[in-house]
Amino acid sequence: MPPFIISITQTSNRYVVVDAETSEKAIERTEKLYYDSKIKLDSLDFVEAIIEDLTDENQEIIDSLPKIDEY
């Protein structure tokens, strides 16, 4: 059987309310909290998963990827 490269893209989303002087400062504050792991998205924030075949455009990396048998 030939191997296939399958991509799994998971999207999560959460709304938060931020007090700040400007939108830019609100985004900066939220980014800092997110990257400092103060805001953590979890399964309740799940929006969608897209699973697609990307074999044709990724042949050069096929040997460096984990095989599903390894899970």
PDB file of N, CA and C in Angstrom:
ATOM      1  N   MET A   1       0.842  -1.185   0.000  1.00  0.00           N
ATOM      2  CA  MET A   1       0.000   0.000   0.000  1.00  0.00           C
ATOM      3  C   MET A   1       0.888   1.249   0.000  1.00  0.00           C
ATOM      4  N   PRO A   2       0.557   2.245  -0.803  1.00  0.00           N
ATOM      5  CA  PRO A   2       1.361   3.473  -0.806  1.00  0.00           C
ATOM      6  C   PRO A   2       1.038   4.335   0.419  1.00  0.00           C
ATOM      7  N   PRO A   3       2.024   5.071   0.917  1.00  0.00           N
ATOM      8  CA  PRO A   3       1.759   5.969   2.041  1.00  0.00           C
ATOM      9  C   PRO A   3       1.118   7.272   1.565  1.00  0.00           C
ATOM     10  N   PHE A   4       0.328   7.872   2.423  1.00  0.00           N
ATOM     11  CA  PHE A   4      -0.308   9.151   2.141  1.00  0.00           C
ATOM     12  C   PHE A   4       0.037  10.126   3.254  1.00  0.00           C
ATOM     13  N   ILE A   5       0.169  11.392   2.910  1.00  0.00           N
ATOM     14  CA  ILE A   5       0.372  12.446   3.909  1.00  0.00           C
ATOM     15  C   ILE A   5      -0.981  13.088   4.162  1.00  0.00           C
ATOM     16  N   ILE A   6      -1.476  12.903   5.361  1.00  0.00           N
ATOM     17  CA  ILE A   6      -2.778  13.426   5.746  1.00  0.00           C
ATOM     18  C   ILE A   6      -2.574  14.553   6.754  1.00  0.00           C
ATOM     19  N   SER A   7      -3.162  15.697   6.473  1.00  0.00           N
ATOM     20  CA  SER A   7      -3.069  16.855   7.358  1.00  0.00           C
ATOM     21  C   SER A   7      -4.303  16.917   8.252  1.00  0.00           C
ATOM     22  N   ILE A   8      -4.069  17.183   9.535  1.00  0.00           N
ATOM     23  CA  ILE A   8      -5.163  17.385  10.492  1.00  0.00           C
ATOM     24  C   ILE A   8      -5.011  18.798  11.036  1.00  0.00           C
ATOM     25  N   THR A   9      -5.981  19.652  10.755  1.00  0.00           N
ATOM     26  CA  THR A   9      -5.964  21.033  11.240  1.00  0.00           C
ATOM     27  C   THR A   9      -7.143  21.223  12.183  1.00  0.00           C
ATOM     28  N   GLN A  10      -6.826  21.589  13.402  1.00  0.00           N
ATOM     29  CA  GLN A  10      -7.863  21.781  14.412  1.00  0.00           C
ATOM     30  C   GLN A  10      -7.974  23.272  14.713  1.00  0.00           C
ATOM     31  N   THR A  11      -9.190  23.766  14.743  1.00  0.00           N
ATOM     32  CA  THR A  11      -9.435  25.170  15.043  1.00  0.00           C
ATOM     33  C   THR A  11     -10.194  25.281  16.350  1.00  0.00           C
ATOM     34  N   SER A  12      -9.704  26.175  17.206  1.00  0.00           N
ATOM     35  CA  SER A  12     -10.375  26.483  18.465  1.00  0.00           C
ATOM     36  C   SER A  12     -10.610  27.990  18.515  1.00  0.00           C
ATOM     37  N   ASN A  13     -11.595  28.399  19.291  1.00  0.00           N
ATOM     38  CA  ASN A  13     -11.920  29.818  19.379  1.00  0.00           C
ATOM     39  C   ASN A  13     -12.524  30.123  20.747  1.00  0.00           C
ATOM     40  N   ARG A  14     -12.136  31.262  21.309  1.00  0.00           N
ATOM     41  CA  ARG A  14     -12.735  31.721  22.559  1.00  0.00           C
ATOM     42  C   ARG A  14     -12.865  33.237  22.504  1.00  0.00           C
ATOM     43  N   TYR A  15     -13.981  33.749  22.955  1.00  0.00           N
ATOM     44  CA  TYR A  15     -14.180  35.187  23.089  1.00  0.00           C
ATOM     45  C   TYR A  15     -13.807  35.601  24.503  1.00  0.00           C
ATOM     46  N   VAL A  16     -13.114  36.737  24.643  1.00  0.00           N
ATOM     47  CA  VAL A  16     -12.801  37.295  25.950  1.00  0.00           C
ATOM     48  C   VAL A  16     -13.112  38.785  25.917  1.00  0.00           C
ATOM     49  N   VAL A  17     -13.392  39.344  27.062  1.00  0.00           N
ATOM     50  CA  VAL A  17     -13.631  40.780  27.193  1.00  0.00           C
ATOM     51  C   VAL A  17     -12.418  41.379  27.879  1.00  0.00           C
ATOM     52  N   VAL A  18     -11.842  42.425  27.265  1.00  0.00           N
ATOM     53  CA  VAL A  18     -10.608  43.017  27.766  1.00  0.00           C
ATOM     54  C   VAL A  18     -10.804  44.518  27.935  1.00  0.00           C
ATOM     55  N   ASP A  19     -10.507  45.026  29.121  1.00  0.00           N
ATOM     56  CA  ASP A  19     -10.511  46.469  29.350  1.00  0.00           C
ATOM     57  C   ASP A  19      -9.160  47.025  28.925  1.00  0.00           C
ATOM     58  N   ALA A  20      -9.170  48.001  28.018  1.00  0.00           N
ATOM     59  CA  ALA A  20      -7.938  48.612  27.549  1.00  0.00           C
ATOM     60  C   ALA A  20      -8.275  49.966  26.923  1.00  0.00           C
ATOM     61  N   GLU A  21      -7.249  50.799  26.764  1.00  0.00           N
ATOM     62  CA  GLU A  21      -7.449  52.130  26.190  1.00  0.00           C
ATOM     63  C   GLU A  21      -7.738  52.091  24.694  1.00  0.00           C
ATOM     64  N   THR A  22      -7.158  51.100  23.992  1.00  0.00           N
ATOM     65  CA  THR A  22      -7.368  50.962  22.547  1.00  0.00           C
ATOM     66  C   THR A  22      -7.499  49.489  22.186  1.00  0.00           C
ATOM     67  N   SER A  23      -7.973  49.255  20.974  1.00  0.00           N
ATOM     68  CA  SER A  23      -8.074  47.885  20.468  1.00  0.00           C
ATOM     69  C   SER A  23      -6.697  47.234  20.400  1.00  0.00           C
ATOM     70  N   GLU A  24      -5.699  47.990  19.957  1.00  0.00           N
ATOM     71  CA  GLU A  24      -4.338  47.454  19.850  1.00  0.00           C
ATOM     72  C   GLU A  24      -3.809  47.005  21.213  1.00  0.00           C
ATOM     73  N   LYS A  25      -4.070  47.821  22.254  1.00  0.00           N
ATOM     74  CA  LYS A  25      -3.620  47.456  23.599  1.00  0.00           C
ATOM     75  C   LYS A  25      -4.382  46.246  24.123  1.00  0.00           C
ATOM     76  N   ALA A  26      -5.647  46.143  23.761  1.00  0.00           N
ATOM     77  CA  ALA A  26      -6.433  44.971  24.165  1.00  0.00           C
ATOM     78  C   ALA A  26      -5.869  43.710  23.523  1.00  0.00           C
ATOM     79  N   ILE A  27      -5.508  43.807  22.238  1.00  0.00           N
ATOM     80  CA  ILE A  27      -4.908  42.662  21.545  1.00  0.00           C
ATOM     81  C   ILE A  27      -3.559  42.309  22.167  1.00  0.00           C
ATOM     82  N   GLU A  28      -2.722  43.318  22.423  1.00  0.00           N
ATOM     83  CA  GLU A  28      -1.413  43.072  23.043  1.00  0.00           C
ATOM     84  C   GLU A  28      -1.562  42.384  24.394  1.00  0.00           C
ATOM     85  N   ARG A  29      -2.501  42.861  25.198  1.00  0.00           N
ATOM     86  CA  ARG A  29      -2.717  42.270  26.525  1.00  0.00           C
ATOM     87  C   ARG A  29      -3.178  40.812  26.395  1.00  0.00           C
ATOM     88  N   THR A  30      -4.089  40.583  25.479  1.00  0.00           N
ATOM     89  CA  THR A  30      -4.605  39.225  25.268  1.00  0.00           C
ATOM     90  C   THR A  30      -3.502  38.306  24.743  1.00  0.00           C
ATOM     91  N   GLU A  31      -2.685  38.800  23.790  1.00  0.00           N
ATOM     92  CA  GLU A  31      -1.567  37.998  23.282  1.00  0.00           C
ATOM     93  C   GLU A  31      -0.609  37.622  24.400  1.00  0.00           C
ATOM     94  N   LYS A  32      -0.282  38.576  25.251  1.00  0.00           N
ATOM     95  CA  LYS A  32       0.635  38.297  26.364  1.00  0.00           C
ATOM     96  C   LYS A  32       0.050  37.224  27.281  1.00  0.00           C
ATOM     97  N   LEU A  33      -1.213  37.369  27.641  1.00  0.00           N
ATOM     98  CA  LEU A  33      -1.858  36.380  28.502  1.00  0.00           C
ATOM     99  C   LEU A  33      -1.887  35.004  27.833  1.00  0.00           C
ATOM    100  N   TYR A  34      -2.180  34.981  26.531  1.00  0.00           N
ATOM    101  CA  TYR A  34      -2.228  33.708  25.806  1.00  0.00           C
ATOM    102  C   TYR A  34      -0.842  33.070  25.747  1.00  0.00           C
ATOM    103  N   TYR A  35       0.167  33.834  25.327  1.00  0.00           N
ATOM    104  CA  TYR A  35       1.514  33.262  25.179  1.00  0.00           C
ATOM    105  C   TYR A  35       2.183  32.950  26.526  1.00  0.00           C
ATOM    106  N   ASP A  36       1.705  33.569  27.599  1.00  0.00           N
ATOM    107  CA  ASP A  36       2.176  33.227  28.943  1.00  0.00           C
ATOM    108  C   ASP A  36       1.350  32.095  29.556  1.00  0.00           C
ATOM    109  N   SER A  37       0.476  31.500  28.755  1.00  0.00           N
ATOM    110  CA  SER A  37      -0.387  30.375  29.154  1.00  0.00           C
ATOM    111  C   SER A  37      -1.382  30.733  30.259  1.00  0.00           C
ATOM    112  N   LYS A  38      -1.743  31.987  30.337  1.00  0.00           N
ATOM    113  CA  LYS A  38      -2.784  32.393  31.293  1.00  0.00           C
ATOM    114  C   LYS A  38      -4.167  32.140  30.698  1.00  0.00           C
ATOM    115  N   ILE A  39      -4.253  32.196  29.380  1.00  0.00           N
ATOM    116  CA  ILE A  39      -5.474  31.834  28.659  1.00  0.00           C
ATOM    117  C   ILE A  39      -5.152  30.551  27.912  1.00  0.00           C
ATOM    118  N   LYS A  40      -5.858  29.490  28.233  1.00  0.00           N
ATOM    119  CA  LYS A  40      -5.623  28.197  27.589  1.00  0.00           C
ATOM    120  C   LYS A  40      -6.921  27.730  26.921  1.00  0.00           C
ATOM    121  N   LEU A  41      -6.831  27.473  25.634  1.00  0.00           N
ATOM    122  CA  LEU A  41      -7.978  26.936  24.928  1.00  0.00           C
ATOM    123  C   LEU A  41      -8.042  25.436  25.181  1.00  0.00           C
ATOM    124  N   ASP A  42      -9.254  24.922  25.343  1.00  0.00           N
ATOM    125  CA  ASP A  42      -9.418  23.499  25.612  1.00  0.00           C
ATOM    126  C   ASP A  42     -10.517  22.919  24.734  1.00  0.00           C
ATOM    127  N   SER A  43     -10.947  21.723  25.044  1.00  0.00           N
ATOM    128  CA  SER A  43     -11.930  21.038  24.202  1.00  0.00           C
ATOM    129  C   SER A  43     -13.262  21.785  24.125  1.00  0.00           C
ATOM    130  N   LEU A  44     -13.579  22.597  25.111  1.00  0.00           N
ATOM    131  CA  LEU A  44     -14.821  23.369  25.066  1.00  0.00           C
ATOM    132  C   LEU A  44     -14.753  24.487  24.026  1.00  0.00           C
ATOM    133  N   ASP A  45     -13.543  24.844  23.595  1.00  0.00           N
ATOM    134  CA  ASP A  45     -13.342  25.899  22.604  1.00  0.00           C
ATOM    135  C   ASP A  45     -13.243  25.348  21.179  1.00  0.00           C
ATOM    136  N   PHE A  46     -13.368  24.046  21.031  1.00  0.00           N
ATOM    137  CA  PHE A  46     -13.226  23.397  19.722  1.00  0.00           C
ATOM    138  C   PHE A  46     -14.271  23.927  18.747  1.00  0.00           C
ATOM    139  N   VAL A  47     -13.821  24.248  17.516  1.00  0.00           N
ATOM    140  CA  VAL A  47     -14.720  24.710  16.468  1.00  0.00           C
ATOM    141  C   VAL A  47     -14.847  23.670  15.363  1.00  0.00           C
ATOM    142  N   GLU A  48     -13.695  23.228  14.818  1.00  0.00           N
ATOM    143  CA  GLU A  48     -13.753  22.259  13.730  1.00  0.00           C
ATOM    144  C   GLU A  48     -12.410  21.554  13.557  1.00  0.00           C
ATOM    145  N   ALA A  49     -12.448  20.453  12.845  1.00  0.00           N
ATOM    146  CA  ALA A  49     -11.234  19.751  12.432  1.00  0.00           C
ATOM    147  C   ALA A  49     -11.362  19.493  10.937  1.00  0.00           C
ATOM    148  N   ILE A  50     -10.276  19.780  10.229  1.00  0.00           N
ATOM    149  CA  ILE A  50     -10.235  19.524   8.789  1.00  0.00           C
ATOM    150  C   ILE A  50      -9.158  18.478   8.551  1.00  0.00           C
ATOM    151  N   ILE A  51      -9.542  17.382   7.914  1.00  0.00           N
ATOM    152  CA  ILE A  51      -8.607  16.298   7.613  1.00  0.00           C
ATOM    153  C   ILE A  51      -8.560  16.173   6.098  1.00  0.00           C
ATOM    154  N   GLU A  52      -7.329  16.345   5.540  1.00  0.00           N
ATOM    155  CA  GLU A  52      -7.213  16.340   4.087  1.00  0.00           C
ATOM    156  C   GLU A  52      -5.923  15.676   3.628  1.00  0.00           C
ATOM    157  N   ASP A  53      -5.944  15.186   2.409  1.00  0.00           N
ATOM    158  CA  ASP A  53      -4.792  14.531   1.794  1.00  0.00           C
ATOM    159  C   ASP A  53      -3.890  15.587   1.153  1.00  0.00           C
ATOM    160  N   LEU A  54      -2.640  15.677   1.629  1.00  0.00           N
ATOM    161  CA  LEU A  54      -1.667  16.629   1.083  1.00  0.00           C
ATOM    162  C   LEU A  54      -0.446  15.896   0.514  1.00  0.00           C
ATOM    163  N   THR A  55      -0.649  14.655   0.118  1.00  0.00           N
ATOM    164  CA  THR A  55       0.445  13.828  -0.368  1.00  0.00           C
ATOM    165  C   THR A  55       1.149  14.454  -1.568  1.00  0.00           C
ATOM    166  N   ASP A  56       0.418  14.874  -2.564  1.00  0.00           N
ATOM    167  CA  ASP A  56       1.028  15.357  -3.810  1.00  0.00           C
ATOM    168  C   ASP A  56       1.965  16.539  -3.605  1.00  0.00           C
ATOM    169  N   GLU A  57       1.595  17.472  -2.740  1.00  0.00           N
ATOM    170  CA  GLU A  57       2.425  18.662  -2.562  1.00  0.00           C
ATOM    171  C   GLU A  57       3.486  18.526  -1.466  1.00  0.00           C
ATOM    172  N   ASN A  58       3.622  17.349  -0.846  1.00  0.00           N
ATOM    173  CA  ASN A  58       4.574  17.176   0.259  1.00  0.00           C
ATOM    174  C   ASN A  58       5.428  15.916   0.168  1.00  0.00           C
ATOM    175  N   GLN A  59       5.623  15.384  -1.002  1.00  0.00           N
ATOM    176  CA  GLN A  59       6.384  14.146  -1.168  1.00  0.00           C
ATOM    177  C   GLN A  59       7.785  14.227  -0.565  1.00  0.00           C
ATOM    178  N   GLU A  60       8.416  15.394  -0.614  1.00  0.00           N
ATOM    179  CA  GLU A  60       9.800  15.519  -0.157  1.00  0.00           C
ATOM    180  C   GLU A  60       9.957  15.334   1.360  1.00  0.00           C
ATOM    181  N   ILE A  61       8.879  15.450   2.125  1.00  0.00           N
ATOM    182  CA  ILE A  61       8.994  15.320   3.592  1.00  0.00           C
ATOM    183  C   ILE A  61       8.395  14.013   4.125  1.00  0.00           C
ATOM    184  N   ILE A  62       7.938  13.159   3.258  1.00  0.00           N
ATOM    185  CA  ILE A  62       7.194  11.972   3.691  1.00  0.00           C
ATOM    186  C   ILE A  62       7.974  11.105   4.679  1.00  0.00           C
ATOM    187  N   ASP A  63       9.289  10.985   4.506  1.00  0.00           N
ATOM    188  CA  ASP A  63      10.081  10.122   5.394  1.00  0.00           C
ATOM    189  C   ASP A  63      10.308  10.723   6.777  1.00  0.00           C
ATOM    190  N   SER A  64      10.106  12.027   6.929  1.00  0.00           N
ATOM    191  CA  SER A  64      10.337  12.673   8.221  1.00  0.00           C
ATOM    192  C   SER A  64       9.083  12.746   9.097  1.00  0.00           C
ATOM    193  N   LEU A  65       7.963  12.311   8.579  1.00  0.00           N
ATOM    194  CA  LEU A  65       6.708  12.404   9.326  1.00  0.00           C
ATOM    195  C   LEU A  65       6.398  11.115  10.080  1.00  0.00           C
ATOM    196  N   PRO A  66       5.698  11.238  11.239  1.00  0.00           N
ATOM    197  CA  PRO A  66       5.325  10.013  11.970  1.00  0.00           C
ATOM    198  C   PRO A  66       4.301   9.197  11.195  1.00  0.00           C
ATOM    199  N   LYS A  67       4.425   7.903  11.284  1.00  0.00           N
ATOM    200  CA  LYS A  67       3.456   7.017  10.642  1.00  0.00           C
ATOM    201  C   LYS A  67       2.329   6.728  11.632  1.00  0.00           C
ATOM    202  N   ILE A  68       1.142   6.561  11.129  1.00  0.00           N
ATOM    203  CA  ILE A  68      -0.014   6.359  11.988  1.00  0.00           C
ATOM    204  C   ILE A  68       0.129   5.086  12.821  1.00  0.00           C
ATOM    205  N   ASP A  69       0.909   4.110  12.327  1.00  0.00           N
ATOM    206  CA  ASP A  69       1.150   2.876  13.091  1.00  0.00           C
ATOM    207  C   ASP A  69       1.874   3.171  14.391  1.00  0.00           C
ATOM    208  N   GLU A  70       2.540   4.324  14.477  1.00  0.00           N
ATOM    209  CA  GLU A  70       3.308   4.683  15.669  1.00  0.00           C
ATOM    210  C   GLU A  70       2.440   5.262  16.777  1.00  0.00           C
ATOM    211  N   TYR A  71       1.165   5.434  16.528  1.00  0.00           N
ATOM    212  CA  TYR A  71       0.272   5.998  17.551  1.00  0.00           C
ATOM    213  C   TYR A  71      -0.406   4.901  18.316  1.00  0.00           C
TER     214      TYR A  71
END
